[in-house]
Amino acid sequence: MIKKDRQWAIIAYLTLIGFMIAYFVPKEKSDFLRTHLRQSFGLWLVYLAFGQVVSNRDSWTYSIAYWIVFGTLFLYGLVSAAKGSSKTLPLIGSYFQKIFSVF
């Protein structure tokens, strides 16, 4: 793993546009980068889907739980990428690896 792969992996977690940049810009992707691209893409999709559900409910309880859960997951992925580790996200990471194996 090279330093550039870690930088691209970190960028993928920052924003959805960051994911697109990290996916399309590097010409060669290592297994490390592919793992984090899958994690980031899946996390962004679930984040947006649950965001629609939470926004339909007018409850602070749901909103706070939503932000805590996804903030923690994004932070976990970001720290894992920064450390150079290919750990998957808790509970949902292995599903993302299977579903998005095209990346």
PDB file of N, CA and C in Angstrom:
ATOM      1  N   MET A   1       0.839  -1.180   0.000  1.00  0.00           N
ATOM      2  CA  MET A   1       0.000   0.000   0.000  1.00  0.00           C
ATOM      3  C   MET A   1       0.883   1.242   0.000  1.00  0.00           C
ATOM      4  N   ILE A   2       0.524   2.166  -0.842  1.00  0.00           N
ATOM      5  CA  ILE A   2       1.287   3.401  -0.907  1.00  0.00           C
ATOM      6  C   ILE A   2       0.516   4.538  -0.232  1.00  0.00           C
ATOM      7  N   LYS A   3       1.236   5.597   0.027  1.00  0.00           N
ATOM      8  CA  LYS A   3       0.638   6.749   0.707  1.00  0.00           C
ATOM      9  C   LYS A   3      -0.524   7.327  -0.103  1.00  0.00           C
ATOM     10  N   LYS A   4      -0.398   7.315  -1.429  1.00  0.00           N
ATOM     11  CA  LYS A   4      -1.477   7.854  -2.279  1.00  0.00           C
ATOM     12  C   LYS A   4      -2.775   7.083  -2.086  1.00  0.00           C
ATOM     13  N   ASP A   5      -2.677   5.754  -1.932  1.00  0.00           N
ATOM     14  CA  ASP A   5      -3.887   4.954  -1.725  1.00  0.00           C
ATOM     15  C   ASP A   5      -4.593   5.348  -0.432  1.00  0.00           C
ATOM     16  N   ARG A   6      -3.810   5.598   0.607  1.00  0.00           N
ATOM     17  CA  ARG A   6      -4.417   6.039   1.871  1.00  0.00           C
ATOM     18  C   ARG A   6      -5.106   7.385   1.687  1.00  0.00           C
ATOM     19  N   GLN A   7      -4.481   8.276   0.941  1.00  0.00           N
ATOM     20  CA  GLN A   7      -5.087   9.600   0.720  1.00  0.00           C
ATOM     21  C   GLN A   7      -6.394   9.474  -0.058  1.00  0.00           C
ATOM     22  N   TRP A   8      -6.411   8.629  -1.088  1.00  0.00           N
ATOM     23  CA  TRP A   8      -7.636   8.441  -1.867  1.00  0.00           C
ATOM     24  C   TRP A   8      -8.727   7.804  -1.008  1.00  0.00           C
ATOM     25  N   ALA A   9      -8.344   6.863  -0.157  1.00  0.00           N
ATOM     26  CA  ALA A   9      -9.318   6.213   0.718  1.00  0.00           C
ATOM     27  C   ALA A   9      -9.934   7.215   1.695  1.00  0.00           C
ATOM     28  N   ILE A  10      -9.114   8.096   2.228  1.00  0.00           N
ATOM     29  CA  ILE A  10      -9.617   9.132   3.143  1.00  0.00           C
ATOM     30  C   ILE A  10     -10.574  10.067   2.408  1.00  0.00           C
ATOM     31  N   ILE A  11     -10.218  10.468   1.212  1.00  0.00           N
ATOM     32  CA  ILE A  11     -11.068  11.364   0.415  1.00  0.00           C
ATOM     33  C   ILE A  11     -12.416  10.724   0.136  1.00  0.00           C
ATOM     34  N   ALA A  12     -12.437   9.419  -0.087  1.00  0.00           N
ATOM     35  CA  ALA A  12     -13.686   8.720  -0.391  1.00  0.00           C
ATOM     36  C   ALA A  12     -14.702   8.821   0.741  1.00  0.00           C
ATOM     37  N   TYR A  13     -14.247   8.922   1.971  1.00  0.00           N
ATOM     38  CA  TYR A  13     -15.163   9.011   3.105  1.00  0.00           C
ATOM     39  C   TYR A  13     -15.651  10.432   3.372  1.00  0.00           C
ATOM     40  N   LEU A  14     -14.980  11.435   2.852  1.00  0.00           N
ATOM     41  CA  LEU A  14     -15.310  12.813   3.231  1.00  0.00           C
ATOM     42  C   LEU A  14     -16.636  13.296   2.664  1.00  0.00           C
ATOM     43  N   THR A  15     -16.865  13.105   1.393  1.00  0.00           N
ATOM     44  CA  THR A  15     -18.137  13.492   0.787  1.00  0.00           C
ATOM     45  C   THR A  15     -18.477  12.508  -0.310  1.00  0.00           C
ATOM     46  N   LEU A  16     -19.703  12.570  -0.805  1.00  0.00           N
ATOM     47  CA  LEU A  16     -20.089  11.708  -1.920  1.00  0.00           C
ATOM     48  C   LEU A  16     -19.312  12.099  -3.177  1.00  0.00           C
ATOM     49  N   ILE A  17     -19.065  13.366  -3.348  1.00  0.00           N
ATOM     50  CA  ILE A  17     -18.242  13.827  -4.473  1.00  0.00           C
ATOM     51  C   ILE A  17     -16.806  13.358  -4.283  1.00  0.00           C
ATOM     52  N   GLY A  18     -16.337  13.335  -3.055  1.00  0.00           N
ATOM     53  CA  GLY A  18     -15.011  12.810  -2.757  1.00  0.00           C
ATOM     54  C   GLY A  18     -14.902  11.346  -3.153  1.00  0.00           C
ATOM     55  N   PHE A  19     -15.982  10.573  -2.923  1.00  0.00           N
ATOM     56  CA  PHE A  19     -15.984   9.171  -3.358  1.00  0.00           C
ATOM     57  C   PHE A  19     -15.829   9.086  -4.868  1.00  0.00           C
ATOM     58  N   MET A  20     -16.593   9.903  -5.580  1.00  0.00           N
ATOM     59  CA  MET A  20     -16.519   9.865  -7.053  1.00  0.00           C
ATOM     60  C   MET A  20     -15.121  10.222  -7.547  1.00  0.00           C
ATOM     61  N   ILE A  21     -14.516  11.214  -6.936  1.00  0.00           N
ATOM     62  CA  ILE A  21     -13.159  11.600  -7.314  1.00  0.00           C
ATOM     63  C   ILE A  21     -12.193  10.453  -7.024  1.00  0.00           C
ATOM     64  N   ALA A  22     -12.313   9.856  -5.839  1.00  0.00           N
ATOM     65  CA  ALA A  22     -11.414   8.755  -5.460  1.00  0.00           C
ATOM     66  C   ALA A  22     -11.634   7.525  -6.329  1.00  0.00           C
ATOM     67  N   TYR A  23     -12.815   7.380  -6.877  1.00  0.00           N
ATOM     68  CA  TYR A  23     -13.099   6.226  -7.732  1.00  0.00           C
ATOM     69  C   TYR A  23     -12.570   6.431  -9.151  1.00  0.00           C
ATOM     70  N   PHE A  24     -12.734   7.630  -9.696  1.00  0.00           N
ATOM     71  CA  PHE A  24     -12.407   7.851 -11.097  1.00  0.00           C
ATOM     72  C   PHE A  24     -10.984   8.342 -11.355  1.00  0.00           C
ATOM     73  N   VAL A  25     -10.357   9.034 -10.439  1.00  0.00           N
ATOM     74  CA  VAL A  25      -9.045   9.632 -10.699  1.00  0.00           C
ATOM     75  C   VAL A  25      -7.885   8.633 -10.710  1.00  0.00           C
ATOM     76  N   PRO A  26      -7.707   7.787  -9.686  1.00  0.00           N
ATOM     77  CA  PRO A  26      -6.550   6.877  -9.721  1.00  0.00           C
ATOM     78  C   PRO A  26      -6.680   5.858 -10.849  1.00  0.00           C
ATOM     79  N   LYS A  27      -5.599   5.709 -11.623  1.00  0.00           N
ATOM     80  CA  LYS A  27      -5.653   4.774 -12.751  1.00  0.00           C
ATOM     81  C   LYS A  27      -5.600   3.332 -12.274  1.00  0.00           C
ATOM     82  N   GLU A  28      -4.771   3.042 -11.277  1.00  0.00           N
ATOM     83  CA  GLU A  28      -4.687   1.701 -10.721  1.00  0.00           C
ATOM     84  C   GLU A  28      -5.129   1.741  -9.265  1.00  0.00           C
ATOM     85  N   LYS A  29      -5.976   0.792  -8.915  1.00  0.00           N
ATOM     86  CA  LYS A  29      -6.487   0.751  -7.543  1.00  0.00           C
ATOM     87  C   LYS A  29      -5.981  -0.511  -6.857  1.00  0.00           C
ATOM     88  N   SER A  30      -5.406  -0.342  -5.690  1.00  0.00           N
ATOM     89  CA  SER A  30      -4.947  -1.490  -4.908  1.00  0.00           C
ATOM     90  C   SER A  30      -6.149  -2.135  -4.208  1.00  0.00           C
ATOM     91  N   ASP A  31      -5.931  -3.305  -3.643  1.00  0.00           N
ATOM     92  CA  ASP A  31      -6.996  -3.967  -2.886  1.00  0.00           C
ATOM     93  C   ASP A  31      -7.422  -3.125  -1.691  1.00  0.00           C
ATOM     94  N   PHE A  32      -6.465  -2.459  -1.073  1.00  0.00           N
ATOM     95  CA  PHE A  32      -6.760  -1.566   0.051  1.00  0.00           C
ATOM     96  C   PHE A  32      -7.730  -0.472  -0.372  1.00  0.00           C
ATOM     97  N   LEU A  33      -7.447   0.183  -1.481  1.00  0.00           N
ATOM     98  CA  LEU A  33      -8.305   1.270  -1.953  1.00  0.00           C
ATOM     99  C   LEU A  33      -9.667   0.739  -2.370  1.00  0.00           C
ATOM    100  N   ARG A  34      -9.706  -0.385  -3.031  1.00  0.00           N
ATOM    101  CA  ARG A  34     -10.991  -0.966  -3.441  1.00  0.00           C
ATOM    102  C   ARG A  34     -11.855  -1.292  -2.229  1.00  0.00           C
ATOM    103  N   THR A  35     -11.237  -1.827  -1.202  1.00  0.00           N
ATOM    104  CA  THR A  35     -11.986  -2.140   0.018  1.00  0.00           C
ATOM    105  C   THR A  35     -12.629  -0.884   0.595  1.00  0.00           C
ATOM    106  N   HIS A  36     -11.868   0.187   0.676  1.00  0.00           N
ATOM    107  CA  HIS A  36     -12.412   1.421   1.245  1.00  0.00           C
ATOM    108  C   HIS A  36     -13.393   2.103   0.299  1.00  0.00           C
ATOM    109  N   LEU A  37     -13.229   1.947  -0.993  1.00  0.00           N
ATOM    110  CA  LEU A  37     -14.218   2.492  -1.920  1.00  0.00           C
ATOM    111  C   LEU A  37     -15.558   1.784  -1.755  1.00  0.00           C
ATOM    112  N   ARG A  38     -15.531   0.476  -1.607  1.00  0.00           N
ATOM    113  CA  ARG A  38     -16.774  -0.275  -1.374  1.00  0.00           C
ATOM    114  C   ARG A  38     -17.436   0.157  -0.074  1.00  0.00           C
ATOM    115  N   GLN A  39     -16.630   0.282   0.976  1.00  0.00           N
ATOM    116  CA  GLN A  39     -17.161   0.687   2.273  1.00  0.00           C
ATOM    117  C   GLN A  39     -17.779   2.082   2.196  1.00  0.00           C
ATOM    118  N   SER A  40     -17.073   2.985   1.580  1.00  0.00           N
ATOM    119  CA  SER A  40     -17.538   4.360   1.486  1.00  0.00           C
ATOM    120  C   SER A  40     -18.818   4.460   0.656  1.00  0.00           C
ATOM    121  N   PHE A  41     -18.837   3.790  -0.493  1.00  0.00           N
ATOM    122  CA  PHE A  41     -20.014   3.856  -1.367  1.00  0.00           C
ATOM    123  C   PHE A  41     -21.241   3.278  -0.664  1.00  0.00           C
ATOM    124  N   GLY A  42     -21.088   2.125  -0.059  1.00  0.00           N
ATOM    125  CA  GLY A  42     -22.211   1.522   0.649  1.00  0.00           C
ATOM    126  C   GLY A  42     -22.691   2.381   1.802  1.00  0.00           C
ATOM    127  N   LEU A  43     -21.756   2.948   2.522  1.00  0.00           N
ATOM    128  CA  LEU A  43     -22.108   3.807   3.652  1.00  0.00           C
ATOM    129  C   LEU A  43     -22.848   5.048   3.179  1.00  0.00           C
ATOM    130  N   TRP A  44     -22.405   5.633   2.102  1.00  0.00           N
ATOM    131  CA  TRP A  44     -23.095   6.816   1.569  1.00  0.00           C
ATOM    132  C   TRP A  44     -24.513   6.464   1.102  1.00  0.00           C
ATOM    133  N   LEU A  45     -24.688   5.311   0.455  1.00  0.00           N
ATOM    134  CA  LEU A  45     -26.029   4.923   0.005  1.00  0.00           C
ATOM    135  C   LEU A  45     -26.969   4.688   1.180  1.00  0.00           C
ATOM    136  N   VAL A  46     -26.496   3.984   2.189  1.00  0.00           N
ATOM    137  CA  VAL A  46     -27.324   3.723   3.369  1.00  0.00           C
ATOM    138  C   VAL A  46     -27.601   5.028   4.123  1.00  0.00           C
ATOM    139  N   TYR A  47     -26.610   5.887   4.194  1.00  0.00           N
ATOM    140  CA  TYR A  47     -26.763   7.189   4.849  1.00  0.00           C
ATOM    141  C   TYR A  47     -27.883   7.996   4.177  1.00  0.00           C
ATOM    142  N   LEU A  48     -27.866   8.046   2.855  1.00  0.00           N
ATOM    143  CA  LEU A  48     -28.886   8.809   2.138  1.00  0.00           C
ATOM    144  C   LEU A  48     -30.268   8.165   2.250  1.00  0.00           C
ATOM    145  N   ALA A  49     -30.332   6.841   2.186  1.00  0.00           N
ATOM    146  CA  ALA A  49     -31.619   6.145   2.300  1.00  0.00           C
ATOM    147  C   ALA A  49     -32.233   6.356   3.685  1.00  0.00           C
ATOM    148  N   PHE A  50     -31.436   6.167   4.719  1.00  0.00           N
ATOM    149  CA  PHE A  50     -31.946   6.383   6.071  1.00  0.00           C
ATOM    150  C   PHE A  50     -32.242   7.863   6.320  1.00  0.00           C
ATOM    151  N   GLY A  51     -31.521   8.736   5.660  1.00  0.00           N
ATOM    152  CA  GLY A  51     -31.799  10.168   5.786  1.00  0.00           C
ATOM    153  C   GLY A  51     -33.200  10.514   5.314  1.00  0.00           C
ATOM    154  N   GLN A  52     -33.631   9.835   4.248  1.00  0.00           N
ATOM    155  CA  GLN A  52     -35.001  10.066   3.755  1.00  0.00           C
ATOM    156  C   GLN A  52     -36.031   9.587   4.780  1.00  0.00           C
ATOM    157  N   VAL A  53     -35.782   8.447   5.365  1.00  0.00           N
ATOM    158  CA  VAL A  53     -36.711   7.904   6.358  1.00  0.00           C
ATOM    159  C   VAL A  53     -36.758   8.799   7.595  1.00  0.00           C
ATOM    160  N   VAL A  54     -35.599   9.203   8.072  1.00  0.00           N
ATOM    161  CA  VAL A  54     -35.539  10.035   9.284  1.00  0.00           C
ATOM    162  C   VAL A  54     -36.145  11.408   9.024  1.00  0.00           C
ATOM    163  N   SER A  55     -35.971  11.941   7.830  1.00  0.00           N
ATOM    164  CA  SER A  55     -36.511  13.275   7.547  1.00  0.00           C
ATOM    165  C   SER A  55     -38.037  13.269   7.493  1.00  0.00           C
ATOM    166  N   ASN A  56     -38.641  12.125   7.201  1.00  0.00           N
ATOM    167  CA  ASN A  56     -40.105  12.041   7.192  1.00  0.00           C
ATOM    168  C   ASN A  56     -40.689  12.004   8.596  1.00  0.00           C
ATOM    169  N   ARG A  57     -39.890  11.655   9.549  1.00  0.00           N
ATOM    170  CA  ARG A  57     -40.333  11.647  10.954  1.00  0.00           C
ATOM    171  C   ARG A  57     -39.839  12.944  11.594  1.00  0.00           C
ATOM    172  N   ASP A  58     -40.704  13.571  12.305  1.00  0.00           N
ATOM    173  CA  ASP A  58     -40.325  14.827  12.949  1.00  0.00           C
ATOM    174  C   ASP A  58     -39.998  14.549  14.406  1.00  0.00           C
ATOM    175  N   SER A  59     -38.828  13.914  14.617  1.00  0.00           N
ATOM    176  CA  SER A  59     -38.466  13.519  15.963  1.00  0.00           C
ATOM    177  C   SER A  59     -36.979  13.757  16.199  1.00  0.00           C
ATOM    178  N   TRP A  60     -36.677  14.437  17.285  1.00  0.00           N
ATOM    179  CA  TRP A  60     -35.284  14.671  17.639  1.00  0.00           C
ATOM    180  C   TRP A  60     -34.583  13.371  17.995  1.00  0.00           C
ATOM    181  N   THR A  61     -35.312  12.451  18.562  1.00  0.00           N
ATOM    182  CA  THR A  61     -34.727  11.178  18.968  1.00  0.00           C
ATOM    183  C   THR A  61     -34.176  10.430  17.768  1.00  0.00           C
ATOM    184  N   TYR A  62     -34.971  10.327  16.702  1.00  0.00           N
ATOM    185  CA  TYR A  62     -34.518   9.648  15.493  1.00  0.00           C
ATOM    186  C   TYR A  62     -33.349  10.397  14.854  1.00  0.00           C
ATOM    187  N   SER A  63     -33.437  11.695  14.823  1.00  0.00           N
ATOM    188  CA  SER A  63     -32.383  12.494  14.187  1.00  0.00           C
ATOM    189  C   SER A  63     -31.058  12.358  14.919  1.00  0.00           C
ATOM    190  N   ILE A  64     -31.095  12.433  16.243  1.00  0.00           N
ATOM    191  CA  ILE A  64     -29.860  12.322  17.020  1.00  0.00           C
ATOM    192  C   ILE A  64     -29.259  10.921  16.872  1.00  0.00           C
ATOM    193  N   ALA A  65     -30.100   9.896  16.928  1.00  0.00           N
ATOM    194  CA  ALA A  65     -29.606   8.521  16.758  1.00  0.00           C
ATOM    195  C   ALA A  65     -28.991   8.346  15.377  1.00  0.00           C
ATOM    196  N   TYR A  66     -29.631   8.902  14.366  1.00  0.00           N
ATOM    197  CA  TYR A  66     -29.142   8.841  12.988  1.00  0.00           C
ATOM    198  C   TYR A  66     -27.749   9.470  12.871  1.00  0.00           C
ATOM    199  N   TRP A  67     -27.586  10.648  13.417  1.00  0.00           N
ATOM    200  CA  TRP A  67     -26.304  11.346  13.328  1.00  0.00           C
ATOM    201  C   TRP A  67     -25.208  10.645  14.128  1.00  0.00           C
ATOM    202  N   ILE A  68     -25.558  10.114  15.271  1.00  0.00           N
ATOM    203  CA  ILE A  68     -24.554   9.408  16.078  1.00  0.00           C
ATOM    204  C   ILE A  68     -24.097   8.131  15.379  1.00  0.00           C
ATOM    205  N   VAL A  69     -25.034   7.355  14.880  1.00  0.00           N
ATOM    206  CA  VAL A  69     -24.686   6.087  14.228  1.00  0.00           C
ATOM    207  C   VAL A  69     -23.839   6.337  12.987  1.00  0.00           C
ATOM    208  N   PHE A  70     -24.278   7.211  12.103  1.00  0.00           N
ATOM    209  CA  PHE A  70     -23.540   7.421  10.867  1.00  0.00           C
ATOM    210  C   PHE A  70     -22.263   8.223  11.074  1.00  0.00           C
ATOM    211  N   GLY A  71     -22.267   9.118  12.039  1.00  0.00           N
ATOM    212  CA  GLY A  71     -21.035   9.826  12.361  1.00  0.00           C
ATOM    213  C   GLY A  71     -19.973   8.864  12.852  1.00  0.00           C
ATOM    214  N   THR A  72     -20.386   7.932  13.686  1.00  0.00           N
ATOM    215  CA  THR A  72     -19.453   6.921  14.208  1.00  0.00           C
ATOM    216  C   THR A  72     -18.933   6.019  13.091  1.00  0.00           C
ATOM    217  N   LEU A  73     -19.818   5.578  12.210  1.00  0.00           N
ATOM    218  CA  LEU A  73     -19.398   4.702  11.110  1.00  0.00           C
ATOM    219  C   LEU A  73     -18.451   5.412  10.143  1.00  0.00           C
ATOM    220  N   PHE A  74     -18.757   6.649   9.803  1.00  0.00           N
ATOM    221  CA  PHE A  74     -17.861   7.399   8.917  1.00  0.00           C
ATOM    222  C   PHE A  74     -16.509   7.632   9.580  1.00  0.00           C
ATOM    223  N   LEU A  75     -16.526   7.964  10.846  1.00  0.00           N
ATOM    224  CA  LEU A  75     -15.278   8.178  11.576  1.00  0.00           C
ATOM    225  C   LEU A  75     -14.464   6.890  11.665  1.00  0.00           C
ATOM    226  N   TYR A  76     -15.123   5.776  11.895  1.00  0.00           N
ATOM    227  CA  TYR A  76     -14.450   4.480  11.955  1.00  0.00           C
ATOM    228  C   TYR A  76     -13.763   4.179  10.616  1.00  0.00           C
ATOM    229  N   GLY A  77     -14.480   4.373   9.521  1.00  0.00           N
ATOM    230  CA  GLY A  77     -13.895   4.132   8.199  1.00  0.00           C
ATOM    231  C   GLY A  77     -12.763   5.085   7.898  1.00  0.00           C
ATOM    232  N   LEU A  78     -12.925   6.320   8.264  1.00  0.00           N
ATOM    233  CA  LEU A  78     -11.903   7.334   8.014  1.00  0.00           C
ATOM    234  C   LEU A  78     -10.625   7.041   8.794  1.00  0.00           C
ATOM    235  N   VAL A  79     -10.761   6.698  10.050  1.00  0.00           N
ATOM    236  CA  VAL A  79      -9.593   6.375  10.879  1.00  0.00           C
ATOM    237  C   VAL A  79      -8.925   5.098  10.372  1.00  0.00           C
ATOM    238  N   SER A  80      -9.725   4.137   9.995  1.00  0.00           N
ATOM    239  CA  SER A  80      -9.176   2.896   9.453  1.00  0.00           C
ATOM    240  C   SER A  80      -8.375   3.158   8.180  1.00  0.00           C
ATOM    241  N   ALA A  81      -8.886   4.016   7.320  1.00  0.00           N
ATOM    242  CA  ALA A  81      -8.169   4.373   6.091  1.00  0.00           C
ATOM    243  C   ALA A  81      -6.892   5.138   6.406  1.00  0.00           C
ATOM    244  N   ALA A  82      -6.949   6.036   7.365  1.00  0.00           N
ATOM    245  CA  ALA A  82      -5.777   6.829   7.725  1.00  0.00           C
ATOM    246  C   ALA A  82      -4.676   5.961   8.323  1.00  0.00           C
ATOM    247  N   LYS A  83      -5.054   4.929   9.057  1.00  0.00           N
ATOM    248  CA  LYS A  83      -4.069   4.026   9.660  1.00  0.00           C
ATOM    249  C   LYS A  83      -3.500   3.036   8.651  1.00  0.00           C
ATOM    250  N   GLY A  84      -4.155   2.907   7.495  1.00  0.00           N
ATOM    251  CA  GLY A  84      -3.696   1.939   6.501  1.00  0.00           C
ATOM    252  C   GLY A  84      -4.251   0.554   6.738  1.00  0.00           C
ATOM    253  N   SER A  85      -5.333   0.465   7.482  1.00  0.00           N
ATOM    254  CA  SER A  85      -5.955  -0.813   7.801  1.00  0.00           C
ATOM    255  C   SER A  85      -7.124  -1.083   6.857  1.00  0.00           C
ATOM    256  N   SER A  86      -7.333  -2.324   6.524  1.00  0.00           N
ATOM    257  CA  SER A  86      -8.444  -2.699   5.638  1.00  0.00           C
ATOM    258  C   SER A  86      -9.608  -3.300   6.422  1.00  0.00           C
ATOM    259  N   LYS A  87      -9.819  -2.845   7.633  1.00  0.00           N
ATOM    260  CA  LYS A  87     -10.933  -3.349   8.438  1.00  0.00           C
ATOM    261  C   LYS A  87     -12.248  -2.948   7.789  1.00  0.00           C
ATOM    262  N   THR A  88     -13.223  -3.858   7.863  1.00  0.00           N
ATOM    263  CA  THR A  88     -14.546  -3.523   7.361  1.00  0.00           C
ATOM    264  C   THR A  88     -15.356  -2.866   8.478  1.00  0.00           C
ATOM    265  N   LEU A  89     -16.390  -2.173   8.087  1.00  0.00           N
ATOM    266  CA  LEU A  89     -17.249  -1.507   9.057  1.00  0.00           C
ATOM    267  C   LEU A  89     -18.008  -2.546   9.878  1.00  0.00           C
ATOM    268  N   PRO A  90     -18.277  -2.260  11.136  1.00  0.00           N
ATOM    269  CA  PRO A  90     -19.031  -3.208  11.957  1.00  0.00           C
ATOM    270  C   PRO A  90     -20.438  -3.429  11.404  1.00  0.00           C
ATOM    271  N   LEU A  91     -20.903  -4.627  11.477  1.00  0.00           N
ATOM    272  CA  LEU A  91     -22.245  -5.076  11.091  1.00  0.00           C
ATOM    273  C   LEU A  91     -22.516  -5.064   9.582  1.00  0.00           C
ATOM    274  N   ILE A  92     -22.227  -3.995   8.900  1.00  0.00           N
ATOM    275  CA  ILE A  92     -22.618  -3.881   7.495  1.00  0.00           C
ATOM    276  C   ILE A  92     -21.455  -3.956   6.516  1.00  0.00           C
ATOM    277  N   GLY A  93     -20.246  -3.906   6.990  1.00  0.00           N
ATOM    278  CA  GLY A  93     -19.078  -3.869   6.116  1.00  0.00           C
ATOM    279  C   GLY A  93     -18.913  -5.094   5.238  1.00  0.00           C
ATOM    280  N   SER A  94     -19.175  -6.272   5.792  1.00  0.00           N
ATOM    281  CA  SER A  94     -19.018  -7.492   4.994  1.00  0.00           C
ATOM    282  C   SER A  94     -20.050  -7.557   3.878  1.00  0.00           C
ATOM    283  N   TYR A  95     -21.243  -7.016   4.106  1.00  0.00           N
ATOM    284  CA  TYR A  95     -22.259  -6.971   3.058  1.00  0.00           C
ATOM    285  C   TYR A  95     -21.827  -6.049   1.922  1.00  0.00           C
ATOM    286  N   PHE A  96     -21.255  -4.918   2.257  1.00  0.00           N
ATOM    287  CA  PHE A  96     -20.777  -3.997   1.235  1.00  0.00           C
ATOM    288  C   PHE A  96     -19.697  -4.636   0.377  1.00  0.00           C
ATOM    289  N   GLN A  97     -18.832  -5.428   1.000  1.00  0.00           N
ATOM    290  CA  GLN A  97     -17.764  -6.090   0.261  1.00  0.00           C
ATOM    291  C   GLN A  97     -18.333  -7.084  -0.744  1.00  0.00           C
ATOM    292  N   LYS A  98     -19.411  -7.771  -0.370  1.00  0.00           N
ATOM    293  CA  LYS A  98     -20.035  -8.743  -1.269  1.00  0.00           C
ATOM    294  C   LYS A  98     -20.859  -8.058  -2.362  1.00  0.00           C
ATOM    295  N   ILE A  99     -21.671  -7.100  -1.962  1.00  0.00           N
ATOM    296  CA  ILE A  99     -22.595  -6.450  -2.907  1.00  0.00           C
ATOM    297  C   ILE A  99     -21.843  -5.628  -3.950  1.00  0.00           C
ATOM    298  N   PHE A 100     -20.867  -4.877  -3.511  1.00  0.00           N
ATOM    299  CA  PHE A 100     -20.147  -3.979  -4.413  1.00  0.00           C
ATOM    300  C   PHE A 100     -18.812  -4.572  -4.868  1.00  0.00           C
ATOM    301  N   SER A 101     -18.760  -5.840  -5.096  1.00  0.00           N
ATOM    302  CA  SER A 101     -17.511  -6.487  -5.517  1.00  0.00           C
ATOM    303  C   SER A 101     -17.097  -6.079  -6.921  1.00  0.00           C
ATOM    304  N   VAL A 102     -17.906  -5.304  -7.620  1.00  0.00           N
ATOM    305  CA  VAL A 102     -17.578  -4.809  -8.962  1.00  0.00           C
ATOM    306  C   VAL A 102     -16.480  -3.763  -8.903  1.00  0.00           C
ATOM    307  N   PHE A 103     -16.377  -3.041  -7.795  1.00  0.00           N
ATOM    308  CA  PHE A 103     -15.381  -1.983  -7.661  1.00  0.00           C
ATOM    309  C   PHE A 103     -13.995  -2.585  -7.613  1.00  0.00           C
TER     310      PHE A 103
END
